[in-house]
Protein backbone atom coordinates (compact mmCIF):
# COMPACT_ATOMS: atom_id res chain seq x y z
CA UNK A 1 -32.21 93.88 -272.20
CA UNK A 2 -33.62 96.95 -269.88
CA UNK A 3 -36.50 94.95 -268.90
CA UNK A 4 -34.77 91.29 -267.58
CA UNK A 5 -32.12 93.01 -266.10
CA UNK A 6 -34.32 95.37 -263.85
CA UNK A 7 -37.10 92.18 -263.45
CA UNK A 8 -33.84 90.04 -262.11
CA UNK A 9 -32.27 92.80 -259.49
CA UNK A 10 -36.12 93.27 -258.39
CA UNK A 11 -35.51 89.27 -257.91
CA UNK A 12 -33.21 89.60 -255.90
CA UNK A 13 -34.09 92.73 -254.02
CA UNK A 14 -37.20 90.75 -252.97
CA UNK A 15 -34.88 87.30 -252.13
CA UNK A 16 -32.73 89.42 -249.79
CA UNK A 17 -35.75 91.36 -247.96
CA UNK A 18 -37.53 88.28 -247.70
CA UNK A 19 -34.98 85.60 -246.39
CA UNK A 20 -31.50 88.01 -244.56
CA UNK A 21 -33.14 92.01 -243.95
CA UNK A 22 -34.58 92.16 -240.13
CA UNK A 23 -37.53 93.58 -239.61
CA UNK A 24 -38.78 95.36 -236.04
CA UNK A 25 -41.53 93.06 -235.11
CA UNK A 26 -44.91 95.48 -234.21
CA UNK A 27 -47.43 95.04 -232.44
CA UNK A 28 -50.80 93.88 -234.48
CA UNK A 29 -54.64 93.02 -234.54
CA UNK A 30 -56.16 90.43 -236.20
CA UNK A 31 -57.66 92.10 -238.70
CA UNK A 32 -54.13 93.02 -239.65
CA UNK A 33 -53.42 89.55 -240.14
CA UNK A 34 -53.28 88.23 -244.34
CA UNK A 35 -56.91 86.97 -245.69
CA UNK A 36 -54.16 83.37 -246.30
CA UNK A 37 -53.48 83.23 -242.70
CA UNK A 38 -54.04 80.30 -240.88
CA UNK A 39 -56.30 79.50 -237.32
CA UNK A 40 -56.13 76.58 -235.29
CA UNK A 41 -58.33 76.65 -232.44
CA UNK A 42 -58.36 73.63 -230.44
CA UNK A 43 -61.79 71.92 -231.62
CA UNK A 44 -60.39 68.89 -232.48
CA UNK A 45 -58.05 67.91 -229.71
CA UNK A 46 -58.68 65.52 -226.92
CA UNK A 47 -59.25 67.31 -223.50
CA UNK A 48 -55.97 66.92 -221.80
CA UNK A 49 -53.39 66.78 -224.82
CA UNK A 50 -50.63 67.94 -224.26
CA UNK A 51 -49.02 68.95 -227.18
CA UNK A 52 -51.89 70.00 -229.62
CA UNK A 53 -51.08 71.18 -233.42
CA UNK A 54 -52.32 70.73 -237.41
CA UNK A 55 -48.83 69.21 -238.45
CA UNK A 56 -47.42 72.77 -239.11
CA UNK A 57 -48.28 74.36 -235.76
CA UNK A 58 -47.12 72.46 -232.11
CA UNK A 59 -48.29 74.01 -229.15
CA UNK A 60 -46.73 72.57 -225.75
CA UNK A 61 -46.32 73.68 -221.50
CA UNK A 62 -50.22 73.41 -220.97
CA UNK A 63 -53.31 71.46 -221.94
CA UNK A 64 -56.28 71.38 -223.46
CA UNK A 65 -59.48 71.54 -221.35
CA UNK A 66 -63.06 72.14 -221.93
CA UNK A 67 -63.98 74.88 -220.66
CA UNK A 68 -66.08 78.37 -220.71
CA UNK A 69 -64.18 81.66 -219.15
CA UNK A 70 -64.73 84.77 -220.79
CA UNK A 71 -64.14 86.01 -224.88
CA UNK A 72 -63.85 82.09 -225.13
CA UNK A 73 -65.78 78.49 -225.06
CA UNK A 74 -65.43 75.07 -225.58
CA UNK A 75 -62.13 73.69 -225.75
CA UNK A 76 -58.81 75.84 -225.02
CA UNK A 77 -54.88 75.67 -223.93
CA UNK A 78 -54.36 76.81 -220.09
CA UNK A 79 -52.23 76.73 -217.70
CA UNK A 80 -53.71 76.78 -214.85
CA UNK A 81 -52.64 74.51 -212.84
CA UNK A 82 -56.30 73.22 -211.25
CA UNK A 83 -56.15 71.07 -214.89
CA UNK A 84 -53.54 69.33 -213.80
CA UNK A 85 -50.61 71.55 -215.70
CA UNK A 86 -47.62 73.77 -214.12
CA UNK A 87 -49.24 76.95 -212.92
CA UNK A 88 -48.36 79.57 -214.89
CA UNK A 89 -46.15 78.27 -217.10
CA UNK A 90 -45.07 79.50 -220.68
CA UNK A 91 -47.08 78.03 -223.35
CA UNK A 92 -44.87 77.73 -226.83
CA UNK A 93 -46.49 78.36 -229.69
CA UNK A 94 -43.48 75.86 -232.46
CA UNK A 95 -43.73 76.13 -236.91
CA UNK A 96 -42.52 73.55 -239.03
CA UNK A 97 -41.03 76.53 -240.25
CA UNK A 98 -40.72 79.95 -240.33
CA UNK A 99 -43.88 82.90 -240.01
CA UNK A 100 -44.44 86.53 -240.16
CA UNK A 101 -46.76 86.85 -237.76
CA UNK A 102 -48.24 84.76 -234.89
CA UNK A 103 -51.41 86.06 -232.10
CA UNK A 104 -54.09 84.55 -230.63
CA UNK A 105 -57.14 84.91 -228.05
CA UNK A 106 -56.21 85.34 -224.70
CA UNK A 107 -57.76 85.03 -221.01
CA UNK A 108 -56.05 85.69 -218.34
CA UNK A 109 -55.78 86.60 -215.11
CA UNK A 110 -55.68 90.37 -214.82
CA UNK A 111 -51.47 90.15 -215.29
CA UNK A 112 -49.77 91.36 -218.44
CA UNK A 113 -49.33 88.79 -220.94
CA UNK A 114 -45.45 88.04 -222.53
CA UNK A 115 -45.33 87.39 -225.22
CA UNK A 116 -41.83 86.55 -227.23
CA UNK A 117 -41.02 85.72 -230.55
CA UNK A 118 -37.85 83.67 -231.86
CA UNK A 119 -36.23 82.25 -234.96
CA UNK A 120 -34.43 79.55 -235.12
CA UNK A 121 -31.12 80.08 -233.53
CA UNK A 122 -33.58 81.20 -230.37
CA UNK A 123 -32.58 84.73 -231.03
CA UNK A 124 -34.71 87.05 -229.72
CA UNK A 125 -36.85 89.31 -232.29
CA UNK A 126 -39.77 91.15 -230.54
CA UNK A 127 -41.01 90.76 -226.97
CA UNK A 128 -43.91 92.86 -225.69
CA UNK A 129 -45.88 93.31 -221.94
CA UNK A 130 -49.54 94.06 -222.85
CA UNK A 131 -52.59 93.77 -220.95
CA UNK A 132 -55.60 92.52 -224.00
CA UNK A 133 -58.92 94.49 -223.51
CA UNK A 134 -61.29 93.74 -225.60
CA UNK A 135 -63.43 91.94 -223.26
CA UNK A 136 -62.65 94.04 -220.20
CA UNK A 137 -59.24 93.70 -218.48
CA UNK A 138 -58.49 90.11 -218.57
CA UNK A 139 -58.67 89.69 -222.04
CA UNK A 140 -58.09 90.29 -225.86
CA UNK A 141 -56.13 89.04 -229.20
CA UNK A 142 -51.94 89.33 -228.82
CA UNK A 143 -49.97 89.33 -232.41
CA UNK A 144 -46.95 90.04 -233.51
CA UNK A 145 -45.16 90.52 -236.60
CA UNK A 146 -41.58 90.32 -237.50
CA UNK A 147 -39.67 88.29 -240.06
CA UNK A 148 -37.87 84.55 -239.68
CA UNK A 149 -39.79 83.41 -236.46
CA UNK A 150 -39.55 79.80 -235.61
CA UNK A 151 -41.78 80.02 -232.24
CA UNK A 152 -43.22 81.99 -230.24
CA UNK A 153 -44.00 81.93 -225.93
CA UNK A 154 -46.50 83.31 -223.89
CA UNK A 155 -46.55 83.76 -220.07
CA UNK A 156 -47.73 85.17 -217.56
CA UNK A 157 -45.94 86.59 -214.25
CA UNK A 158 -45.72 83.03 -212.51
CA UNK A 159 -47.44 84.08 -209.46
CA UNK A 160 -50.14 82.29 -207.65
CA UNK A 161 -53.86 82.55 -209.62
CA UNK A 162 -52.14 83.60 -212.85
CA UNK A 163 -53.15 81.79 -214.99
CA UNK A 164 -53.17 82.28 -219.23
CA UNK A 165 -56.00 80.34 -221.23
CA UNK A 166 -54.98 80.91 -225.24
CA UNK A 167 -57.20 79.72 -227.80
CA UNK A 168 -57.29 80.37 -231.96
CA UNK A 169 -54.08 81.34 -232.91
CA UNK A 170 -53.70 82.71 -236.08
CA UNK A 171 -50.17 82.88 -238.11
CA UNK A 172 -48.57 83.24 -242.04
CA UNK A 173 -47.04 81.38 -243.34
CA UNK A 174 -43.52 83.09 -245.18
CA UNK A 175 -43.26 81.60 -249.13
CA UNK A 176 -40.61 79.41 -248.87
CA UNK A 177 -37.40 80.71 -251.48
CA UNK A 178 -38.35 78.88 -254.11
CA UNK A 179 -41.57 79.46 -254.88
CA UNK A 180 -40.10 83.46 -254.87
CA UNK A 181 -38.04 81.98 -256.91
CA UNK A 182 -40.41 80.31 -259.29
CA UNK A 183 -42.59 84.28 -258.89
CA UNK A 184 -39.72 85.57 -260.39
CA UNK A 185 -39.06 83.63 -263.50
CA UNK A 186 -42.21 84.37 -264.18
CA UNK A 187 -41.92 87.64 -264.10
CA UNK A 188 -38.60 87.29 -266.53
CA UNK A 189 -40.37 84.71 -268.42
CA UNK A 190 -43.17 88.03 -268.85
CA UNK A 191 -40.88 90.61 -269.78
CA UNK A 192 -38.85 88.39 -272.39
CA UNK A 193 -42.12 87.50 -274.32
CA UNK A 194 -43.44 91.13 -274.17
CA UNK A 195 -40.15 91.89 -275.58
CA UNK A 196 -41.03 88.97 -278.61
CA UNK A 197 -44.71 90.06 -278.89
CA UNK A 198 -43.10 93.56 -279.99
């Protein structure tokens, strides 16, 4: 009986931590994403598309272009006004359900990138201003981790000539509570089976 109570208490604690308790977001690298993380490039998007996505992720606020800027090649997403979008307009990465981490490769005109995470209640989870330096002063990877991310906003100072290019958006999906419950029930069943076998 003690094993079952311990397993049940562990399951309840895990569910509460996954669905209720907020966690401090931290800046992360692409290498710190889980192996199950999903990467979305813009290769299958039409040039000029304003809201590309893969059915779970939708990107908005700019347009898909065919370019070869530093650190990127082929199709990318940009708010560069010369491509018919509002120069410097914020980009939004929206998710069909909560994610726990999001990031992207960025190229920008020598200005810090403001990257913000929000939950479904439009509450700010984390905000950072960074200058990635993977390939000089104007490009690199930006990533953040937090609980219950519904969407992220990437922007630059609204100054003429400050434009942002994004590619290879990566995110980690949050297991749904039903999946966590099934996992917990599996642990309980294993505990019961082990007890019966003795």
